[in-house]
Amino acid sequence: MRGKFADICHGTLKEDNAAVVMIGDISHFLLRNVESDFSNRFFNIGICEQSMVSMASGMAIEGMRPIIHTIAPFLVERAYEQIKVDLGYQNTDVTIVTVGGTFDYSDLGCTHHCYNDIALMRSIPNMQVYEPGSAKEFEQLFKQTWSNGHPKYFRLSNHSHNQNLNVSPGEITVVRESKNNKWVFVCGHLLDDVIEDKDIGIFYVPTLSYITDDSLQIVRDMIKDSDRLYSVENHFKIGGLGDFIQPYVGTKIKQIGLDSKFITSYGSYDDLRSTACIDRKNILRQLQ
């Protein structure tokens, strides 16, 4: 997904003279071609994430369309007030793209973990929140929402699922119908984990801030006789996917995700998933 992000930045700046890319001292090598070809619209703001958000807001108010980028804990958590006030309250057309959510930087310890970015971004009025599960999905969501006049948050990951899906903003994709009247809502790369349960129906949710009326009606029609609903997500259950879906469906959802506690141990990404009980084995066990 990060490679696709670099390609999208280059293509967007080439096609849209109002586009600007700003980074917080990260991804210099990844974006070297963007900096080389568009040096007058590429800015490394340094480790000044709050300032980067406010600068982007000012640019957007003056007609530019900034893309701002650094890792999730240093942007979402450190600059939350600026995102809330300068992007959400002002409803500015700024696109936030982060990496490093949850355990993607597992070996750097819990200061570099970010479990609550989805909850924080969902809490900001006007903010559109997207969690693509593949490079293809990121490209589709980015292009369909570019220059739509609203602040947007894209959570990218080092991990992708292996399903070939087409997605659109606000739409829920029916990946598979249920054989046992059980349904699971899932987002991001964890789709590959839940798909191992061959009987359960799967709704894939790449947008975590709004649902189109048509998509919602399809979901309601399919689950109307079911009382066994689940959500599976790679972030805090509080404010996450299950909390997002619950008001729309009425039926109680069993949430499978991260509990509200710090993971203080070190290890690989898979090690920490196991510690948090959101590895494939534990997900499938909780879907029973």
Protein backbone atom coordinates (compact mmCIF):
# COMPACT_ATOMS: atom_id res chain seq x y z
CA MET A 1 0.00 0.00 0.00
CA ARG A 2 2.86 2.40 0.69
CA GLY A 3 4.22 1.89 -2.81
CA LYS A 4 0.78 2.65 -4.23
CA PHE A 5 0.65 5.77 -2.03
CA ALA A 6 3.85 7.07 -3.67
CA ASP A 7 2.43 6.43 -7.15
CA ILE A 8 -0.85 8.15 -6.25
CA CYS A 9 0.95 11.21 -4.86
CA HIS A 10 2.99 11.56 -8.04
CA GLY A 11 -0.01 11.11 -10.30
CA THR A 12 -2.19 13.48 -8.28
CA LEU A 13 0.37 16.29 -8.28
CA LYS A 14 0.83 15.81 -12.02
CA GLU A 15 -2.90 16.03 -12.74
CA ASP A 16 -3.99 18.59 -10.14
CA ASN A 17 -2.04 21.82 -9.81
CA ALA A 18 -3.73 22.50 -6.47
CA ALA A 19 -2.38 19.29 -4.91
CA VAL A 20 0.39 19.50 -2.30
CA VAL A 21 2.24 16.75 -0.40
CA MET A 22 3.50 17.37 3.13
CA ILE A 23 5.39 14.86 5.27
CA GLY A 24 6.46 14.78 8.89
CA ASP A 25 10.05 13.64 8.34
CA ILE A 26 9.08 10.17 7.08
CA SER A 27 9.00 8.35 3.71
CA HIS A 28 11.67 10.55 2.12
CA PHE A 29 13.05 7.74 -0.04
CA LEU A 30 9.60 6.41 -0.88
CA LEU A 31 8.54 9.84 -2.18
CA ARG A 32 11.85 10.83 -3.78
CA ASN A 33 10.32 11.06 -7.28
CA VAL A 34 7.52 13.28 -5.98
CA GLU A 35 10.05 15.61 -4.39
CA SER A 36 12.26 15.61 -7.49
CA ASP A 37 9.49 16.30 -10.00
CA PHE A 38 7.35 18.64 -7.88
CA SER A 39 9.80 20.33 -5.53
CA ASN A 40 7.61 23.44 -5.30
CA ARG A 41 4.67 21.38 -3.97
CA PHE A 42 6.48 18.88 -1.74
CA PHE A 43 7.35 19.92 1.81
CA ASN A 44 9.05 18.09 4.66
CA ILE A 45 7.71 19.89 7.72
CA GLY A 46 9.88 17.85 10.07
CA ILE A 47 8.82 16.46 13.44
CA CYS A 48 6.20 19.21 13.80
CA GLU A 49 2.97 17.33 13.23
CA GLN A 50 0.68 19.91 14.82
CA SER A 51 2.16 22.64 12.64
CA MET A 52 1.83 20.46 9.56
CA VAL A 53 -1.92 20.01 10.14
CA SER A 54 -2.48 23.75 10.69
CA MET A 55 -0.40 24.66 7.65
CA ALA A 56 -2.39 22.19 5.54
CA SER A 57 -5.64 23.70 6.76
CA GLY A 58 -4.50 27.19 5.78
CA MET A 59 -3.47 25.97 2.34
CA ALA A 60 -6.86 24.28 1.87
CA ILE A 61 -8.72 27.45 2.87
CA GLU A 62 -6.73 29.26 0.16
CA GLY A 63 -7.71 26.67 -2.48
CA MET A 64 -4.92 24.11 -2.30
CA ARG A 65 -5.55 20.41 -1.68
CA PRO A 66 -2.90 19.06 0.72
CA ILE A 67 -2.02 15.42 1.38
CA ILE A 68 -0.33 15.07 4.78
CA HIS A 69 1.57 11.97 5.84
CA THR A 70 3.45 10.43 8.74
CA ILE A 71 2.95 7.48 11.10
CA ALA A 72 -0.38 7.18 12.90
CA PRO A 73 0.61 7.74 16.57
CA PHE A 74 2.60 10.87 15.78
CA LEU A 75 -0.09 12.42 13.60
CA VAL A 76 -3.46 11.27 14.90
CA GLU A 77 -2.65 11.24 18.61
CA ARG A 78 -0.07 14.05 18.80
CA ALA A 79 -1.96 16.46 16.56
CA TYR A 80 -5.52 15.51 17.47
CA GLU A 81 -6.54 19.01 18.59
CA GLN A 82 -5.32 20.56 15.34
CA ILE A 83 -7.07 17.87 13.28
CA LYS A 84 -10.30 18.47 15.22
CA VAL A 85 -10.24 22.27 15.04
CA ASP A 86 -8.37 23.06 11.82
CA LEU A 87 -9.68 20.21 9.64
CA GLY A 88 -12.93 19.01 11.19
CA TYR A 89 -14.38 22.29 12.47
CA GLN A 90 -13.22 24.20 9.39
CA ASN A 91 -14.31 21.28 7.13
CA THR A 92 -11.18 21.69 5.02
CA ASP A 93 -10.28 19.51 2.04
CA VAL A 94 -7.16 17.91 3.55
CA THR A 95 -6.28 14.24 3.02
CA ILE A 96 -4.52 12.48 5.90
CA VAL A 97 -2.64 9.29 5.02
CA THR A 98 -0.98 7.35 7.84
CA VAL A 99 0.96 4.14 8.26
CA GLY A 100 1.95 2.31 11.43
CA GLY A 101 -1.49 1.62 12.88
CA THR A 102 -1.88 -0.93 15.71
CA PHE A 103 1.21 -3.19 15.66
CA ASP A 104 2.78 -2.38 12.28
CA TYR A 105 5.82 -0.98 14.13
CA SER A 106 5.76 -3.80 16.67
CA ASP A 107 9.51 -3.88 17.27
CA LEU A 108 9.63 -0.21 18.32
CA GLY A 109 7.44 -0.69 21.37
CA CYS A 110 4.11 0.65 22.55
CA THR A 111 5.03 4.30 21.96
CA HIS A 112 4.83 3.44 18.24
CA HIS A 113 1.61 1.43 18.50
CA CYS A 114 -1.67 3.11 17.57
CA TYR A 115 -4.86 1.29 18.48
CA ASN A 116 -7.30 4.18 18.73
CA ASP A 117 -6.84 6.21 15.54
CA ILE A 118 -10.11 5.00 14.04
CA ALA A 119 -12.03 5.92 17.20
CA LEU A 120 -10.43 9.36 17.34
CA MET A 121 -11.01 10.15 13.67
CA ARG A 122 -14.59 8.86 13.78
CA SER A 123 -15.31 11.25 16.66
CA ILE A 124 -14.57 14.33 14.53
CA PRO A 125 -17.58 15.76 12.64
CA ASN A 126 -17.03 16.07 8.86
CA MET A 127 -14.10 13.59 8.91
CA GLN A 128 -14.38 10.74 6.41
CA VAL A 129 -12.58 7.59 7.60
CA TYR A 130 -11.29 4.82 5.33
CA GLU A 131 -9.37 1.62 6.01
CA PRO A 132 -8.41 -0.02 2.70
CA GLY A 133 -7.28 -3.63 2.89
CA SER A 134 -5.17 -3.61 -0.28
CA ALA A 135 -3.33 -1.25 -2.61
CA LYS A 136 -6.12 -1.59 -5.16
CA GLU A 137 -8.74 -0.54 -2.62
CA PHE A 138 -6.67 2.44 -1.50
CA GLU A 139 -6.41 3.67 -5.08
CA GLN A 140 -10.16 3.26 -5.65
CA LEU A 141 -11.14 5.05 -2.44
CA PHE A 142 -8.59 7.82 -2.89
CA LYS A 143 -9.57 8.63 -6.46
CA GLN A 144 -13.30 8.54 -5.75
CA THR A 145 -12.97 10.96 -2.81
CA TRP A 146 -10.25 13.29 -4.08
CA SER A 147 -11.25 16.97 -3.99
CA ASN A 148 -14.67 16.22 -2.51
CA GLY A 149 -14.40 19.18 -0.14
CA HIS A 150 -14.09 17.24 3.15
CA PRO A 151 -11.24 16.15 5.42
CA LYS A 152 -10.36 12.49 4.89
CA TYR A 153 -8.40 9.90 6.86
CA PHE A 154 -6.79 6.87 5.21
CA ARG A 155 -5.29 4.21 7.46
CA LEU A 156 -2.72 2.24 5.46
CA SER A 157 -1.08 -0.94 6.71
CA ASN A 158 2.01 -3.00 6.02
CA HIS A 159 -0.36 -5.95 5.60
CA SER A 160 -2.96 -6.65 2.91
CA HIS A 161 -5.61 -9.28 2.33
CA ASN A 162 -5.49 -11.45 -0.78
CA GLN A 163 -9.05 -10.99 -2.05
CA ASN A 164 -9.72 -9.11 -5.28
CA LEU A 165 -12.45 -6.66 -4.35
CA ASN A 166 -13.81 -3.49 -5.87
CA VAL A 167 -14.86 -0.92 -3.28
CA SER A 168 -16.57 2.46 -3.21
CA PRO A 169 -16.84 5.07 -0.45
CA GLY A 170 -19.68 4.38 1.96
CA GLU A 171 -20.50 0.98 0.47
CA ILE A 172 -20.37 -2.36 2.28
CA THR A 173 -19.29 -5.29 0.10
CA VAL A 174 -21.00 -8.66 0.48
CA VAL A 175 -18.03 -11.01 0.20
CA ARG A 176 -20.02 -14.19 0.91
CA GLU A 177 -23.54 -15.11 1.98
CA SER A 178 -24.12 -17.04 5.19
CA LYS A 179 -24.74 -20.79 5.34
CA ASN A 180 -25.54 -20.84 9.07
CA ASN A 181 -27.31 -17.50 9.63
CA LYS A 182 -24.17 -15.99 11.17
CA TRP A 183 -22.65 -12.80 9.76
CA VAL A 184 -19.40 -10.97 10.38
CA PHE A 185 -18.50 -7.35 9.58
CA VAL A 186 -14.75 -7.02 8.96
CA CYS A 187 -12.37 -4.29 7.82
CA GLY A 188 -8.81 -4.18 6.53
CA HIS A 189 -6.50 -7.14 6.03
CA LEU A 190 -8.27 -9.23 8.69
CA LEU A 191 -10.65 -10.25 5.91
CA ASP A 192 -8.22 -13.08 5.13
CA ASP A 193 -8.62 -14.40 8.67
CA VAL A 194 -12.42 -14.51 8.82
CA ILE A 195 -12.73 -15.96 5.33
CA GLU A 196 -11.31 -19.21 6.74
CA ASP A 197 -14.68 -19.85 8.39
CA LYS A 198 -16.45 -21.34 5.36
CA ASP A 199 -20.01 -21.05 6.72
CA ILE A 200 -20.21 -17.53 8.05
CA GLY A 201 -21.45 -14.66 5.87
CA ILE A 202 -19.04 -11.76 5.40
CA PHE A 203 -19.63 -8.02 5.04
CA TYR A 204 -16.49 -6.06 4.18
CA VAL A 205 -16.44 -2.46 5.45
CA PRO A 206 -13.69 -0.14 4.10
CA THR A 207 -15.53 3.08 5.10
CA LEU A 208 -15.88 3.65 8.85
CA SER A 209 -17.73 6.96 8.98
CA TYR A 210 -20.85 6.63 6.83
CA ILE A 211 -22.91 4.06 4.89
CA THR A 212 -24.89 4.73 1.72
CA ASP A 213 -28.64 4.15 1.94
CA ASP A 214 -28.59 1.47 -0.78
CA SER A 215 -25.79 -0.45 0.88
CA LEU A 216 -27.46 -0.26 4.27
CA GLN A 217 -30.72 -1.61 2.86
CA ILE A 218 -28.91 -4.60 1.34
CA VAL A 219 -27.27 -5.39 4.68
CA ARG A 220 -30.52 -5.07 6.63
CA ASP A 221 -32.36 -7.36 4.23
CA MET A 222 -29.67 -10.05 4.50
CA ILE A 223 -29.40 -10.06 8.31
CA LYS A 224 -33.06 -9.52 9.20
CA ASP A 225 -33.55 -13.11 10.45
CA SER A 226 -30.19 -13.40 12.19
CA ASP A 227 -29.31 -12.69 15.82
CA ARG A 228 -25.67 -13.80 15.50
CA LEU A 229 -23.64 -10.84 14.31
CA TYR A 230 -19.91 -10.24 14.79
CA SER A 231 -17.37 -7.54 14.01
CA VAL A 232 -13.64 -8.15 13.53
CA GLU A 233 -11.18 -5.26 13.54
CA ASN A 234 -7.50 -4.44 13.98
CA HIS A 235 -7.99 -1.61 16.52
CA PHE A 236 -9.77 -0.79 19.77
CA LYS A 237 -13.29 -2.15 20.02
CA ILE A 238 -14.27 1.14 21.68
CA GLY A 239 -15.16 3.52 18.84
CA GLY A 240 -14.24 1.00 16.17
CA LEU A 241 -16.04 -1.06 13.55
CA GLY A 242 -18.56 -2.74 15.85
CA ASP A 243 -19.53 0.56 17.47
CA PHE A 244 -19.91 2.07 13.99
CA ILE A 245 -22.19 -0.69 12.69
CA GLN A 246 -24.27 -1.25 15.84
CA PRO A 247 -26.69 1.72 15.52
CA TYR A 248 -27.57 0.73 11.95
CA VAL A 249 -28.46 -2.93 12.57
CA GLY A 250 -30.19 -2.94 15.95
CA THR A 251 -29.13 -6.49 16.80
CA LYS A 252 -26.33 -6.84 19.36
CA ILE A 253 -22.92 -7.31 17.75
CA LYS A 254 -20.19 -9.40 19.36
CA GLN A 255 -17.02 -7.36 18.88
CA ILE A 256 -13.69 -9.07 18.20
CA GLY A 257 -10.86 -6.59 18.40
CA LEU A 258 -8.49 -4.95 20.86
CA ASP A 259 -9.49 -4.44 24.47
CA SER A 260 -8.70 -1.07 26.03
CA LYS A 261 -5.23 -1.81 27.38
CA PHE A 262 -1.62 -1.31 26.36
CA ILE A 263 0.42 -4.13 24.87
CA THR A 264 3.78 -3.52 26.53
CA SER A 265 5.67 -6.59 25.28
CA TYR A 266 8.01 -6.62 22.30
CA GLY A 267 7.99 -9.06 19.40
CA SER A 268 6.92 -9.50 15.81
CA TYR A 269 3.62 -8.33 14.41
CA ASP A 270 2.29 -11.89 14.70
CA ASP A 271 3.54 -12.15 18.29
CA LEU A 272 1.60 -9.07 19.34
CA ARG A 273 -1.53 -10.15 17.49
CA SER A 274 -1.41 -13.37 19.47
CA THR A 275 -0.86 -11.50 22.74
CA ALA A 276 -3.90 -9.33 22.00
CA CYS A 277 -5.97 -12.39 20.96
CA ILE A 278 -6.66 -11.05 17.46
CA ASP A 279 -4.53 -13.54 15.53
CA ARG A 280 -6.28 -15.89 13.10
CA LYS A 281 -6.60 -18.74 15.57
CA ASN A 282 -8.23 -16.56 18.22
CA ILE A 283 -10.49 -14.78 15.72
CA LEU A 284 -11.84 -18.07 14.38
CA ARG A 285 -12.33 -19.40 17.91
CA GLN A 286 -14.38 -16.33 18.88
CA LEU A 287 -16.54 -16.65 15.76
CA GLN A 288 -17.83 -20.04 16.94
